[in-house]
Amino acid sequence: MVSIRLKIVLVVLPILVVAVVLAGMSSQVAATGAVTRIATEFLDFKASELEKYAEGQWNLLVENDVADRPDMVAAAQAGVESFARSIVRSSTETIVAIRRDGTIVMRTAAVDALPEESEALAGLFEAGARGFQSIRLGGVERAASGFPFGPFGWYAIVTEERSAFFGDVDAITRGTLAILAASIVIATLLVLLFVRYMTGPLSTMVVAMRRIIDSGDMSERVPVEFADEIGTLSHTFNIMLDELQKAYDQIKKYAFEAVLAQKKEEKIRHIFQKFVPQELIDRFFKNPEAMLVGENRELAVLFSDIRSFTTISEAMRPDDLVNSLNRYFSTMVDILMERHGVIDKYIGDAIMAFFGAPVKHDDDAVSSVLAALEMTEALDTFNRNQVAAGKPEFKIGIGINYGIVTVGNIGCDKKMDYTVIGDMVNLASRLEGLTKPYRQPLVFSEFLYEKVRGEFPCRLLDTVAVKGKTKGVRIYTARRAISELEAKAWAVHDEAMAMYGARRFREASIMFRSVTDELGPDDYASTMMSERCDRYAADPPPADWDGVEVLHEK
């Protein structure tokens, strides 16, 4: 257990240390910045003066029309070198001029560039950089300020050994560190003395309190020795002892009621299954009587199923099959839940989910389609891992419907499910089954289409009456995005669907075939419809035909 003294030290000491360090470092940064700035400006000033002098020498040559005479140019260069020597103020300072190949042609001290340094100097010449920079010259690191001087073909550099240039900065840094170390030591000693003085009365009080707790004698009192906050604390503790006995009976009552409330909560929560959404538990826990009451809600229902799962299971060992299924379900469920979907149940290898209950969102319909598209995309990654592991790929079909359902807890007091029921749910299941004959990974109803049109590229597949129904429903598929070629082909497909509904089968067949020509023979939707149009053109449907394809299988 950490003592209060140590806690105070751990709180106060870091504050003092940080304050001292910040103050010292800010001073050091300001001082070193000022020194560095002055030194840099001094180098730049010398470089500027040297450049002005060189320009003056060249202008004299030009004005006297002798700029083309090598002897006069050499004399001017000698004058520049003499001026450079005159502005050198220390033995560590050197001014040089280099040519394009990095060779030194003017110097104020005996210094030569090493081969690798000449290459770097040649690079400076090519760059023509001005202002402060760091270079190596004669094997020594130097701070420098340079400028190109075209008339002489020079790049002039005013340099100072780095150790001398930053000597004052290093001295300031060392002094600052020494002051900081001394300040931290002094601050630590002062904090320890202060804490010892402040916590002495508390230690006396703790001993007295512990004796009362160990003996259980509430008639004993803590001595009030100090006329300050600690003394007030002792007095308050004595008053608390008087009230504890009075509160004991009330505490027992509250404890009993808390146990009853906990039992009640456990009973209510036991009704819900493991995968029931937390929002639902929180919502109904406030009103347990409403748990068995269903409600009508408009939402999206999604069914997803693995194609030919029996064949896949026969080709895999049981443990491999379970591992693959667990990874598949984990991936798909994560996607559904990220899109605010609720997992209703697992039906063998199928998943049933819904969007819009218990919490409704404005984008439930769009989220259901996004979830389906992301599931198909995630399946590609899953299958790559399957193939890499020598296991069969999974193929899935997803069906989605949108409409009014009854949602609530259904079952008995021993077993309940939070689920959705209604004709709309059955249609969603049938739509999932249509993904196989229509060879589409995603099929959804016209009711969902009305909610998501404009959000995704959608394609009308057919108008069908699923098994057990006589009324037709338009079915669609969607993509996250399509190419310009696909967009044009899908538009032609929609026109052909209109002609098909108007019994213009030959014209529709031609248009469907043009879509197949554009998208290729793998575009089953256009291929299927062109073949159907050919069949109806040769053997027309009855006069009361309304364009609905009646299905007799699930």
Protein backbone atom coordinates (compact mmCIF):
# COMPACT_ATOMS: atom_id res chain seq x y z
CA MET A 1 0.00 0.00 0.00
CA VAL A 2 1.38 3.40 -0.99
CA SER A 3 1.53 5.84 1.95
CA ILE A 4 0.03 9.33 1.74
CA ARG A 5 3.49 10.81 2.16
CA LEU A 6 4.73 9.01 -0.91
CA LYS A 7 1.59 9.99 -2.83
CA ILE A 8 2.11 13.66 -2.01
CA VAL A 9 5.76 13.40 -3.03
CA LEU A 10 4.77 11.64 -6.27
CA VAL A 11 2.25 14.39 -7.04
CA VAL A 12 4.13 17.51 -5.93
CA LEU A 13 7.68 16.59 -6.90
CA PRO A 14 6.97 15.97 -10.61
CA ILE A 15 5.16 19.31 -10.78
CA LEU A 16 8.14 21.13 -9.28
CA VAL A 17 10.60 19.24 -11.44
CA VAL A 18 8.61 19.92 -14.60
CA ALA A 19 8.32 23.61 -13.69
CA VAL A 20 12.05 23.88 -13.04
CA VAL A 21 12.94 21.97 -16.20
CA LEU A 22 10.57 24.01 -18.33
CA ALA A 23 11.89 27.28 -16.93
CA GLY A 24 15.52 26.21 -17.38
CA MET A 25 14.98 24.75 -20.84
CA SER A 26 13.02 27.78 -22.02
CA SER A 27 15.86 30.04 -20.87
CA GLN A 28 18.43 27.77 -22.49
CA VAL A 29 16.46 27.62 -25.75
CA ALA A 30 16.05 31.41 -25.79
CA ALA A 31 19.74 32.01 -25.02
CA THR A 32 21.08 29.44 -27.48
CA GLY A 33 18.65 30.67 -30.11
CA ALA A 34 19.81 34.24 -29.65
CA VAL A 35 23.50 33.29 -29.73
CA THR A 36 23.03 31.09 -32.78
CA ARG A 37 21.03 33.76 -34.56
CA ILE A 38 23.69 36.43 -33.90
CA ALA A 39 26.49 34.14 -35.01
CA THR A 40 24.60 33.14 -38.14
CA GLU A 41 23.76 36.72 -38.98
CA PHE A 42 27.45 37.61 -38.49
CA LEU A 43 28.50 34.95 -41.01
CA ASP A 44 25.80 36.11 -43.44
CA PHE A 45 26.94 39.73 -42.95
CA LYS A 46 30.54 38.87 -43.80
CA ALA A 47 29.41 36.92 -46.85
CA SER A 48 27.27 39.89 -47.94
CA GLU A 49 30.18 42.33 -47.50
CA LEU A 50 32.52 40.06 -49.43
CA GLU A 51 29.97 39.78 -52.25
CA LYS A 52 29.60 43.57 -52.39
CA TYR A 53 33.38 44.02 -52.54
CA ALA A 54 33.70 41.41 -55.31
CA GLU A 55 30.93 43.12 -57.30
CA GLY A 56 32.74 46.45 -56.85
CA GLN A 57 35.98 44.99 -58.19
CA TRP A 58 34.22 43.50 -61.18
CA ASN A 59 32.36 46.73 -61.92
CA LEU A 60 35.73 48.57 -62.00
CA LEU A 61 36.96 46.13 -64.62
CA VAL A 62 33.81 46.58 -66.67
CA GLU A 63 33.82 50.38 -66.40
CA ASN A 64 37.45 50.50 -67.53
CA ASP A 65 36.76 48.03 -70.34
CA VAL A 66 39.42 45.57 -69.10
CA ALA A 67 37.13 42.77 -67.98
CA ASP A 68 38.46 40.60 -70.80
CA ARG A 69 42.08 40.91 -69.73
CA PRO A 70 43.19 37.90 -67.63
CA ASP A 71 45.87 39.92 -65.81
CA MET A 72 43.36 42.53 -64.70
CA VAL A 73 40.85 39.87 -63.66
CA ALA A 74 43.58 38.15 -61.64
CA ALA A 75 44.42 41.47 -59.98
CA ALA A 76 40.75 41.97 -59.07
CA GLN A 77 40.59 38.44 -57.65
CA ALA A 78 43.72 39.15 -55.62
CA GLY A 79 42.01 42.28 -54.28
CA VAL A 80 38.99 40.20 -53.25
CA GLU A 81 41.30 37.71 -51.51
CA SER A 82 43.02 40.57 -49.69
CA PHE A 83 39.65 41.94 -48.56
CA ALA A 84 38.62 38.46 -47.39
CA ARG A 85 41.75 38.23 -45.26
CA SER A 86 41.00 41.63 -43.77
CA ILE A 87 37.57 40.57 -42.48
CA VAL A 88 38.81 37.33 -40.87
CA ARG A 89 38.78 37.80 -37.09
CA SER A 90 39.92 34.46 -35.65
CA SER A 91 42.32 31.65 -36.37
CA THR A 92 39.43 29.20 -36.79
CA GLU A 93 37.69 31.36 -39.40
CA THR A 94 38.43 30.70 -43.06
CA ILE A 95 37.11 32.16 -46.32
CA VAL A 96 37.48 30.17 -49.54
CA ALA A 97 36.30 30.35 -53.13
CA ILE A 98 35.77 27.24 -55.27
CA ARG A 99 35.31 26.52 -58.93
CA ARG A 100 32.70 24.26 -60.52
CA ASP A 101 34.77 21.09 -59.95
CA GLY A 102 35.07 21.82 -56.22
CA THR A 103 38.74 22.93 -56.30
CA ILE A 104 39.72 25.81 -54.03
CA VAL A 105 41.03 28.84 -55.97
CA MET A 106 41.08 31.38 -53.17
CA ARG A 107 41.65 30.90 -49.45
CA THR A 108 42.53 32.98 -46.41
CA ALA A 109 44.22 30.12 -44.54
CA ALA A 110 46.16 26.98 -45.41
CA VAL A 111 43.30 24.58 -45.90
CA ASP A 112 42.73 21.93 -48.56
CA ALA A 113 39.61 19.97 -49.41
CA LEU A 114 39.67 16.19 -49.25
CA PRO A 115 38.47 14.35 -52.40
CA GLU A 116 35.06 13.56 -50.94
CA GLU A 117 34.80 17.15 -49.70
CA SER A 118 35.54 18.46 -53.18
CA GLU A 119 32.55 16.52 -54.48
CA ALA A 120 30.34 18.08 -51.83
CA LEU A 121 31.73 21.55 -52.63
CA ALA A 122 31.03 20.97 -56.31
CA GLY A 123 27.47 20.17 -55.35
CA LEU A 124 27.24 23.49 -53.50
CA PHE A 125 28.54 25.28 -56.59
CA GLU A 126 25.88 23.65 -58.77
CA ALA A 127 23.12 24.41 -56.26
CA GLY A 128 24.25 28.04 -55.87
CA ALA A 129 22.78 28.00 -52.34
CA ARG A 130 22.85 31.15 -50.25
CA GLY A 131 22.71 31.60 -46.50
CA PHE A 132 23.65 29.39 -43.57
CA GLN A 133 24.72 25.76 -44.10
CA SER A 134 27.06 23.09 -42.73
CA ILE A 135 30.09 21.79 -44.64
CA ARG A 136 33.29 19.80 -44.08
CA LEU A 137 36.58 21.38 -45.08
CA GLY A 138 40.00 19.90 -44.39
CA GLY A 139 38.31 17.18 -42.32
CA VAL A 140 36.73 19.74 -39.97
CA GLU A 141 32.99 20.38 -39.53
CA ARG A 142 32.28 24.04 -40.28
CA ALA A 143 29.36 26.45 -40.16
CA ALA A 144 29.26 28.42 -43.39
CA SER A 145 27.47 31.08 -45.41
CA GLY A 146 28.06 31.14 -49.15
CA PHE A 147 27.09 32.86 -52.39
CA PRO A 148 27.80 32.29 -56.09
CA PHE A 149 29.81 34.93 -57.96
CA GLY A 150 29.41 34.37 -61.68
CA PRO A 151 31.89 36.92 -63.12
CA PHE A 152 34.86 35.10 -61.53
CA GLY A 153 33.25 31.64 -61.83
CA TRP A 154 33.46 31.34 -58.04
CA TYR A 155 31.32 30.06 -55.24
CA ALA A 156 32.58 31.95 -52.15
CA ILE A 157 32.13 30.55 -48.65
CA VAL A 158 32.71 32.27 -45.29
CA THR A 159 33.30 29.50 -42.71
CA GLU A 160 33.91 29.05 -39.00
CA GLU A 161 34.83 25.82 -37.20
CA ARG A 162 31.66 24.32 -35.77
CA SER A 163 33.21 23.89 -32.31
CA ALA A 164 34.01 27.60 -32.19
CA PHE A 165 30.73 28.66 -33.80
CA PHE A 166 28.63 26.77 -31.24
CA GLY A 167 31.07 27.11 -28.34
CA ASP A 168 28.93 29.63 -26.48
CA VAL A 169 25.83 27.55 -27.10
CA ASP A 170 27.50 24.46 -25.62
CA ALA A 171 28.62 26.47 -22.59
CA ILE A 172 25.08 27.74 -22.03
CA THR A 173 23.73 24.19 -22.32
CA ARG A 174 26.21 22.81 -19.79
CA GLY A 175 25.47 25.66 -17.37
CA THR A 176 21.73 25.14 -17.74
CA LEU A 177 22.02 21.40 -17.06
CA ALA A 178 24.07 22.03 -13.94
CA ILE A 179 21.55 24.58 -12.65
CA LEU A 180 18.67 22.21 -13.41
CA ALA A 181 20.34 19.34 -11.55
CA ALA A 182 20.99 21.49 -8.49
CA SER A 183 17.44 22.89 -8.58
CA ILE A 184 15.90 19.42 -8.77
CA VAL A 185 17.97 18.18 -5.81
CA ILE A 186 17.02 21.21 -3.69
CA ALA A 187 13.33 20.92 -4.69
CA THR A 188 13.32 17.22 -3.74
CA LEU A 189 14.76 17.91 -0.29
CA LEU A 190 12.26 20.72 0.35
CA VAL A 191 9.30 18.55 -0.71
CA LEU A 192 10.39 15.70 1.59
CA LEU A 193 10.69 18.06 4.57
CA PHE A 194 7.35 19.70 3.80
CA VAL A 195 5.53 16.36 3.44
CA ARG A 196 6.96 15.04 6.68
CA TYR A 197 5.77 18.14 8.52
CA MET A 198 2.28 18.11 6.97
CA THR A 199 1.51 14.40 7.40
CA GLY A 200 2.71 14.01 11.00
CA PRO A 201 -0.73 14.82 12.50
CA LEU A 202 -2.41 12.52 9.99
CA SER A 203 -0.28 9.59 11.13
CA THR A 204 -1.42 10.14 14.71
CA MET A 205 -5.02 10.22 13.54
CA VAL A 206 -4.68 7.03 11.48
CA VAL A 207 -3.34 5.11 14.51
CA ALA A 208 -6.35 6.18 16.58
CA MET A 209 -8.82 5.28 13.82
CA ARG A 210 -7.27 1.86 13.29
CA ARG A 211 -7.58 1.13 17.03
CA ILE A 212 -11.29 2.01 16.92
CA ILE A 213 -11.85 -0.18 13.86
CA ASP A 214 -9.99 -3.17 15.33
CA SER A 215 -11.83 -2.99 18.65
CA GLY A 216 -15.23 -2.16 17.19
CA ASP A 217 -15.78 0.17 20.12
CA MET A 218 -17.66 3.12 18.68
CA SER A 219 -17.57 4.88 22.05
CA GLU A 220 -13.87 5.61 21.61
CA ARG A 221 -12.99 8.94 20.05
CA VAL A 222 -10.13 10.36 18.02
CA PRO A 223 -8.21 13.09 19.90
CA VAL A 224 -8.61 16.55 18.34
CA GLU A 225 -5.10 17.97 18.62
CA PHE A 226 -4.95 20.61 15.90
CA ALA A 227 -7.04 23.70 15.22
CA ASP A 228 -6.93 23.29 11.44
CA GLU A 229 -8.47 21.14 8.71
CA ILE A 230 -6.96 18.01 10.27
CA GLY A 231 -8.56 18.88 13.58
CA THR A 232 -11.88 19.41 11.78
CA LEU A 233 -11.46 16.00 10.17
CA SER A 234 -10.96 14.37 13.59
CA HIS A 235 -14.06 16.08 14.97
CA THR A 236 -16.09 15.02 11.92
CA PHE A 237 -14.96 11.42 12.37
CA ASN A 238 -16.20 11.47 15.95
CA ILE A 239 -19.60 12.73 14.79
CA MET A 240 -19.65 9.98 12.14
CA LEU A 241 -19.20 7.33 14.84
CA ASP A 242 -22.34 8.61 16.58
CA GLU A 243 -24.33 8.37 13.35
CA LEU A 244 -23.05 4.95 12.31
CA GLN A 245 -25.09 3.09 14.86
CA LYS A 246 -28.23 4.94 13.80
CA ALA A 247 -27.54 4.18 10.16
CA TYR A 248 -26.85 0.48 10.69
CA ASP A 249 -30.51 -0.59 10.55
CA GLN A 250 -31.13 1.54 7.48
CA ILE A 251 -28.07 0.04 5.78
CA LYS A 252 -29.40 -3.46 6.38
CA LYS A 253 -32.70 -2.45 4.82
CA TYR A 254 -30.99 -1.01 1.76
CA ALA A 255 -28.81 -4.10 1.43
CA PHE A 256 -31.88 -6.35 1.48
CA GLU A 257 -33.60 -4.25 -1.17
CA ALA A 258 -30.43 -4.28 -3.31
CA VAL A 259 -30.36 -8.09 -3.21
CA LEU A 260 -33.99 -8.22 -4.30
CA ALA A 261 -33.29 -5.77 -7.12
CA GLN A 262 -30.31 -7.82 -8.26
CA LYS A 263 -32.37 -11.00 -8.33
CA LYS A 264 -35.04 -9.21 -10.33
CA GLU A 265 -32.46 -7.92 -12.79
CA GLU A 266 -30.94 -11.39 -13.24
CA LYS A 267 -34.38 -12.85 -13.93
CA ILE A 268 -35.14 -10.22 -16.54
CA ARG A 269 -31.78 -10.53 -18.24
CA HIS A 270 -32.13 -14.33 -18.31
CA ILE A 271 -35.03 -13.88 -20.74
CA PHE A 272 -32.72 -12.48 -23.39
CA GLN A 273 -30.33 -14.60 -25.38
CA LYS A 274 -26.61 -14.16 -25.59
CA PHE A 275 -26.66 -12.32 -28.92
CA VAL A 276 -29.56 -10.01 -28.20
CA PRO A 277 -28.44 -6.38 -28.75
CA GLN A 278 -27.37 -4.44 -25.69
CA GLU A 279 -29.66 -1.60 -26.76
CA LEU A 280 -32.63 -3.93 -26.40
CA ILE A 281 -31.63 -5.02 -22.90
CA ASP A 282 -31.12 -1.43 -21.78
CA ARG A 283 -34.40 -0.37 -23.35
CA PHE A 284 -36.61 -3.02 -21.78
CA PHE A 285 -34.83 -3.25 -18.43
CA LYS A 286 -36.45 0.05 -17.49
CA ASN A 287 -39.89 -1.43 -18.24
CA PRO A 288 -39.91 -5.23 -17.76
CA GLU A 289 -43.67 -5.45 -18.30
CA ALA A 290 -43.22 -4.40 -21.94
CA MET A 291 -40.83 -7.23 -22.80
CA LEU A 292 -43.47 -9.55 -24.21
CA VAL A 293 -45.21 -6.88 -26.27
CA GLY A 294 -44.40 -6.93 -29.99
CA GLU A 295 -44.50 -3.93 -32.28
CA ASN A 296 -44.79 -3.30 -35.99
CA ARG A 297 -41.63 -1.74 -37.39
CA GLU A 298 -40.40 -0.88 -40.88
CA LEU A 299 -36.96 -2.36 -41.38
CA ALA A 300 -34.67 -4.31 -43.71
CA VAL A 301 -34.27 -8.09 -43.38
CA LEU A 302 -31.19 -9.84 -44.81
CA PHE A 303 -30.63 -13.53 -45.45
CA SER A 304 -27.21 -14.89 -46.40
CA ASP A 305 -26.51 -18.51 -47.34
CA ILE A 306 -23.47 -20.54 -48.44
CA ARG A 307 -24.02 -22.20 -51.81
CA SER A 308 -23.56 -26.00 -52.10
CA PHE A 309 -22.61 -26.25 -48.46
CA THR A 310 -23.33 -29.98 -48.35
CA THR A 311 -20.78 -30.56 -51.12
CA ILE A 312 -18.24 -28.38 -49.31
CA SER A 313 -18.78 -30.18 -46.01
CA GLU A 314 -18.28 -33.59 -47.65
CA ALA A 315 -14.92 -32.44 -49.03
CA MET A 316 -13.55 -31.21 -45.68
CA ARG A 317 -12.64 -32.79 -42.37
CA PRO A 318 -15.04 -31.88 -39.56
CA ASP A 319 -12.47 -29.84 -37.63
CA ASP A 320 -11.40 -27.94 -40.77
CA LEU A 321 -15.04 -27.32 -41.62
CA VAL A 322 -15.78 -25.92 -38.17
CA ASN A 323 -12.70 -23.69 -38.25
CA SER A 324 -13.59 -22.37 -41.70
CA LEU A 325 -17.20 -21.73 -40.67
CA ASN A 326 -16.11 -19.92 -37.52
CA ARG A 327 -13.80 -17.64 -39.51
CA TYR A 328 -16.53 -17.06 -42.09
CA PHE A 329 -19.18 -16.23 -39.48
CA SER A 330 -16.77 -14.00 -37.56
CA THR A 331 -16.00 -11.97 -40.69
CA MET A 332 -19.63 -11.63 -41.80
CA VAL A 333 -21.02 -10.88 -38.35
CA ASP A 334 -18.44 -8.14 -37.78
CA ILE A 335 -19.55 -6.47 -41.02
CA LEU A 336 -23.24 -6.72 -40.15
CA MET A 337 -22.76 -5.35 -36.65
CA GLU A 338 -20.56 -2.49 -37.85
CA ARG A 339 -23.48 -1.47 -40.07
CA HIS A 340 -25.86 -1.55 -37.06
CA GLY A 341 -27.30 -4.90 -38.13
CA VAL A 342 -28.73 -7.30 -35.53
CA ILE A 343 -27.98 -11.01 -35.91
CA ASP A 344 -31.35 -12.72 -35.57
CA LYS A 345 -30.19 -16.31 -35.84
CA TYR A 346 -27.94 -18.81 -37.57
CA ILE A 347 -29.83 -21.33 -39.70
CA GLY A 348 -27.20 -23.97 -40.33
CA ASP A 349 -24.76 -22.17 -42.60
CA ALA A 350 -27.17 -19.28 -43.21
CA ILE A 351 -27.33 -15.94 -41.39
CA MET A 352 -30.50 -13.95 -40.75
CA ALA A 353 -30.09 -10.31 -39.76
CA PHE A 354 -32.18 -7.18 -39.68
CA PHE A 355 -31.61 -3.43 -39.69
CA GLY A 356 -33.85 -0.92 -37.90
CA ALA A 357 -34.63 -2.52 -34.54
CA PRO A 358 -34.45 -2.18 -31.62
CA VAL A 359 -32.80 1.14 -32.54
CA LYS A 360 -33.90 2.78 -35.78
CA HIS A 361 -31.42 4.70 -37.93
CA ASP A 362 -32.15 6.97 -40.87
CA ASP A 363 -29.89 4.91 -43.14
CA ASP A 364 -30.99 1.37 -42.24
CA ALA A 365 -31.92 0.52 -45.84
CA VAL A 366 -28.63 1.84 -47.23
CA SER A 367 -26.70 0.11 -44.43
CA SER A 368 -28.25 -3.24 -45.33
CA VAL A 369 -27.04 -2.96 -48.95
CA LEU A 370 -23.62 -1.71 -47.87
CA ALA A 371 -23.32 -4.65 -45.49
CA ALA A 372 -24.21 -7.07 -48.29
CA LEU A 373 -21.66 -5.54 -50.67
CA GLU A 374 -18.97 -5.58 -47.99
CA MET A 375 -19.78 -9.21 -47.23
CA THR A 376 -19.19 -10.17 -50.87
CA GLU A 377 -15.93 -8.18 -50.88
CA ALA A 378 -14.78 -9.79 -47.63
CA LEU A 379 -15.59 -13.22 -49.10
CA ASP A 380 -12.91 -12.68 -51.76
CA THR A 381 -10.27 -12.25 -49.05
CA PHE A 382 -11.68 -15.23 -47.14
CA ASN A 383 -11.51 -17.42 -50.26
CA ARG A 384 -7.92 -16.43 -50.98
CA ASN A 385 -7.01 -17.72 -47.52
CA GLN A 386 -9.05 -20.88 -48.15
CA VAL A 387 -7.24 -21.59 -51.41
CA ALA A 388 -3.85 -20.87 -49.82
CA ALA A 389 -4.71 -23.43 -47.12
CA GLY A 390 -5.84 -26.01 -49.72
CA LYS A 391 -9.51 -25.74 -48.72
CA PRO A 392 -12.56 -25.17 -50.98
CA GLU A 393 -13.89 -21.71 -51.65
CA PHE A 394 -17.25 -20.50 -50.31
CA LYS A 395 -19.88 -18.92 -52.54
CA ILE A 396 -22.75 -17.02 -50.96
CA GLY A 397 -26.07 -15.53 -51.95
CA ILE A 398 -27.65 -12.58 -50.14
CA GLY A 399 -31.31 -11.57 -50.29
CA ILE A 400 -32.74 -8.39 -48.74
CA ASN A 401 -36.30 -7.11 -48.37
CA TYR A 402 -37.66 -3.94 -46.80
CA GLY A 403 -41.05 -3.41 -45.22
CA ILE A 404 -43.21 -3.68 -42.14
CA VAL A 405 -42.68 -6.66 -39.82
CA THR A 406 -43.59 -7.59 -36.28
CA VAL A 407 -40.58 -7.41 -34.01
CA GLY A 408 -40.37 -8.50 -30.39
CA ASN A 409 -39.66 -11.38 -27.99
CA ILE A 410 -41.33 -14.54 -29.19
CA GLY A 411 -41.45 -17.84 -27.30
CA CYS A 412 -42.30 -18.84 -23.77
CA ASP A 413 -41.00 -18.10 -20.30
CA LYS A 414 -38.37 -20.84 -20.67
CA LYS A 415 -37.02 -19.85 -24.07
CA MET A 416 -37.47 -16.62 -26.00
CA ASP A 417 -35.96 -15.04 -29.10
CA TYR A 418 -35.91 -11.41 -30.04
CA THR A 419 -36.86 -11.80 -33.71
CA VAL A 420 -38.91 -10.51 -36.60
CA ILE A 421 -41.83 -12.26 -38.24
CA GLY A 422 -44.16 -11.50 -41.12
CA ASP A 423 -44.70 -12.02 -44.81
CA MET A 424 -41.92 -9.53 -45.57
CA VAL A 425 -39.44 -11.83 -43.79
CA ASN A 426 -40.55 -14.79 -45.88
CA LEU A 427 -40.04 -12.79 -49.07
CA ALA A 428 -36.51 -11.87 -47.94
CA SER A 429 -35.74 -15.58 -47.55
CA ARG A 430 -37.13 -16.30 -51.03
CA LEU A 431 -35.01 -13.49 -52.49
CA GLU A 432 -31.91 -15.12 -51.06
CA GLY A 433 -32.94 -18.31 -52.85
CA LEU A 434 -33.22 -16.40 -56.15
CA THR A 435 -29.53 -15.53 -56.11
CA LYS A 436 -28.81 -19.05 -57.37
CA PRO A 437 -31.05 -19.24 -60.47
CA TYR A 438 -30.28 -15.61 -61.36
CA ARG A 439 -26.56 -16.15 -60.64
CA GLN A 440 -26.21 -12.93 -58.64
CA PRO A 441 -24.47 -12.56 -55.27
CA LEU A 442 -27.12 -10.03 -54.17
CA VAL A 443 -30.85 -9.81 -54.93
CA PHE A 444 -33.25 -7.38 -53.27
CA SER A 445 -36.86 -6.31 -53.70
CA GLU A 446 -38.39 -3.25 -55.30
CA PHE A 447 -39.37 -2.06 -51.81
CA LEU A 448 -35.72 -1.79 -50.82
CA TYR A 449 -34.86 -0.36 -54.23
CA GLU A 450 -37.16 2.61 -53.59
CA LYS A 451 -35.13 3.38 -50.45
CA VAL A 452 -31.63 3.07 -51.96
CA ARG A 453 -32.08 4.22 -55.57
CA GLY A 454 -29.52 6.87 -56.32
CA GLU A 455 -27.20 5.57 -53.59
CA PHE A 456 -25.85 2.64 -55.65
CA PRO A 457 -25.84 1.54 -59.29
CA CYS A 458 -28.88 -0.80 -59.41
CA ARG A 459 -30.04 -3.21 -62.11
CA LEU A 460 -33.52 -4.60 -62.65
CA LEU A 461 -33.30 -8.39 -62.99
CA ASP A 462 -36.90 -9.53 -63.38
CA THR A 463 -40.44 -9.39 -62.06
CA VAL A 464 -41.20 -12.62 -60.21
CA ALA A 465 -43.88 -14.26 -58.14
CA VAL A 466 -42.04 -16.40 -55.62
CA LYS A 467 -43.34 -19.79 -54.60
CA GLY A 468 -46.62 -19.46 -52.72
CA LYS A 469 -47.35 -15.97 -54.12
CA THR A 470 -49.35 -14.78 -57.10
CA LYS A 471 -48.41 -11.10 -57.04
CA GLY A 472 -45.21 -10.18 -58.83
CA VAL A 473 -42.32 -8.27 -57.27
CA ARG A 474 -39.53 -6.57 -59.19
CA ILE A 475 -36.12 -7.78 -58.10
CA TYR A 476 -32.82 -5.91 -58.39
CA THR A 477 -29.12 -6.28 -57.81
CA ALA A 478 -26.55 -3.58 -57.04
CA ARG A 479 -22.86 -2.84 -57.08
CA ARG A 480 -20.77 -0.40 -55.07
CA ALA A 481 -19.54 1.12 -58.35
CA ILE A 482 -19.57 0.24 -62.06
CA SER A 483 -17.54 1.28 -65.09
CA GLU A 484 -18.78 3.66 -67.78
CA LEU A 485 -19.23 0.68 -70.12
CA GLU A 486 -21.31 -1.17 -67.55
CA ALA A 487 -23.42 1.95 -66.86
CA LYS A 488 -24.33 2.21 -70.56
CA ALA A 489 -25.01 -1.52 -70.81
CA TRP A 490 -27.22 -1.48 -67.70
CA ALA A 491 -29.22 1.42 -69.15
CA VAL A 492 -29.81 -0.61 -72.36
CA HIS A 493 -30.79 -3.57 -70.18
CA ASP A 494 -33.46 -1.45 -68.44
CA GLU A 495 -34.85 -0.34 -71.83
CA ALA A 496 -34.95 -3.96 -72.96
CA MET A 497 -36.83 -4.90 -69.76
CA ALA A 498 -39.47 -2.28 -70.65
CA MET A 499 -39.84 -3.75 -74.15
CA TYR A 500 -40.06 -7.24 -72.64
CA GLY A 501 -42.92 -6.10 -70.38
CA ALA A 502 -44.65 -4.61 -73.45
CA ARG A 503 -44.46 -8.03 -75.24
CA ARG A 504 -41.98 -6.70 -77.83
CA PHE A 505 -39.91 -9.84 -77.43
CA ARG A 506 -37.85 -9.75 -80.65
CA GLU A 507 -36.76 -6.14 -80.12
CA ALA A 508 -36.03 -6.88 -76.48
CA SER A 509 -33.99 -9.95 -77.41
CA ILE A 510 -31.81 -7.87 -79.77
CA MET A 511 -31.16 -5.31 -77.05
CA PHE A 512 -30.39 -7.97 -74.43
CA ARG A 513 -27.90 -9.57 -76.83
CA SER A 514 -26.22 -6.18 -77.34
CA VAL A 515 -25.73 -6.02 -73.58
CA THR A 516 -24.19 -9.50 -73.64
CA ASP A 517 -21.91 -8.40 -76.48
CA GLU A 518 -20.75 -5.42 -74.41
CA LEU A 519 -20.34 -7.17 -71.05
CA GLY A 520 -19.41 -10.64 -72.26
CA PRO A 521 -21.07 -14.05 -71.97
CA ASP A 522 -20.58 -14.09 -68.18
CA ASP A 523 -23.33 -11.44 -67.87
CA TYR A 524 -25.99 -14.01 -67.10
CA ALA A 525 -28.82 -11.49 -66.56
CA SER A 526 -28.82 -10.34 -70.21
CA THR A 527 -28.16 -13.86 -71.54
CA MET A 528 -31.07 -15.32 -69.56
CA MET A 529 -33.48 -12.59 -70.67
CA SER A 530 -32.49 -12.84 -74.35
CA GLU A 531 -33.13 -16.59 -74.29
CA ARG A 532 -36.48 -16.04 -72.58
CA CYS A 533 -37.43 -13.41 -75.19
CA ASP A 534 -36.56 -15.85 -77.99
CA ARG A 535 -38.73 -18.47 -76.34
CA TYR A 536 -41.67 -16.10 -75.94
CA ALA A 537 -41.25 -14.78 -79.50
CA ALA A 538 -41.63 -18.32 -80.81
CA ASP A 539 -44.33 -19.31 -78.31
CA PRO A 540 -46.05 -16.16 -76.99
CA PRO A 541 -47.42 -16.20 -73.43
CA PRO A 542 -51.20 -15.97 -72.79
CA ALA A 543 -53.02 -12.73 -73.52
CA ASP A 544 -53.37 -12.00 -69.80
CA TRP A 545 -49.62 -12.32 -69.27
CA ASP A 546 -48.40 -9.38 -67.16
CA GLY A 547 -44.64 -9.86 -67.34
CA VAL A 548 -44.45 -11.77 -64.05
CA GLU A 549 -42.26 -14.88 -63.98
CA VAL A 550 -43.99 -17.39 -61.69
CA LEU A 551 -41.51 -19.49 -59.72
CA HIS A 552 -42.41 -22.93 -58.44
CA GLU A 553 -39.28 -23.56 -56.41
CA LYS A 554 -37.88 -21.79 -53.38
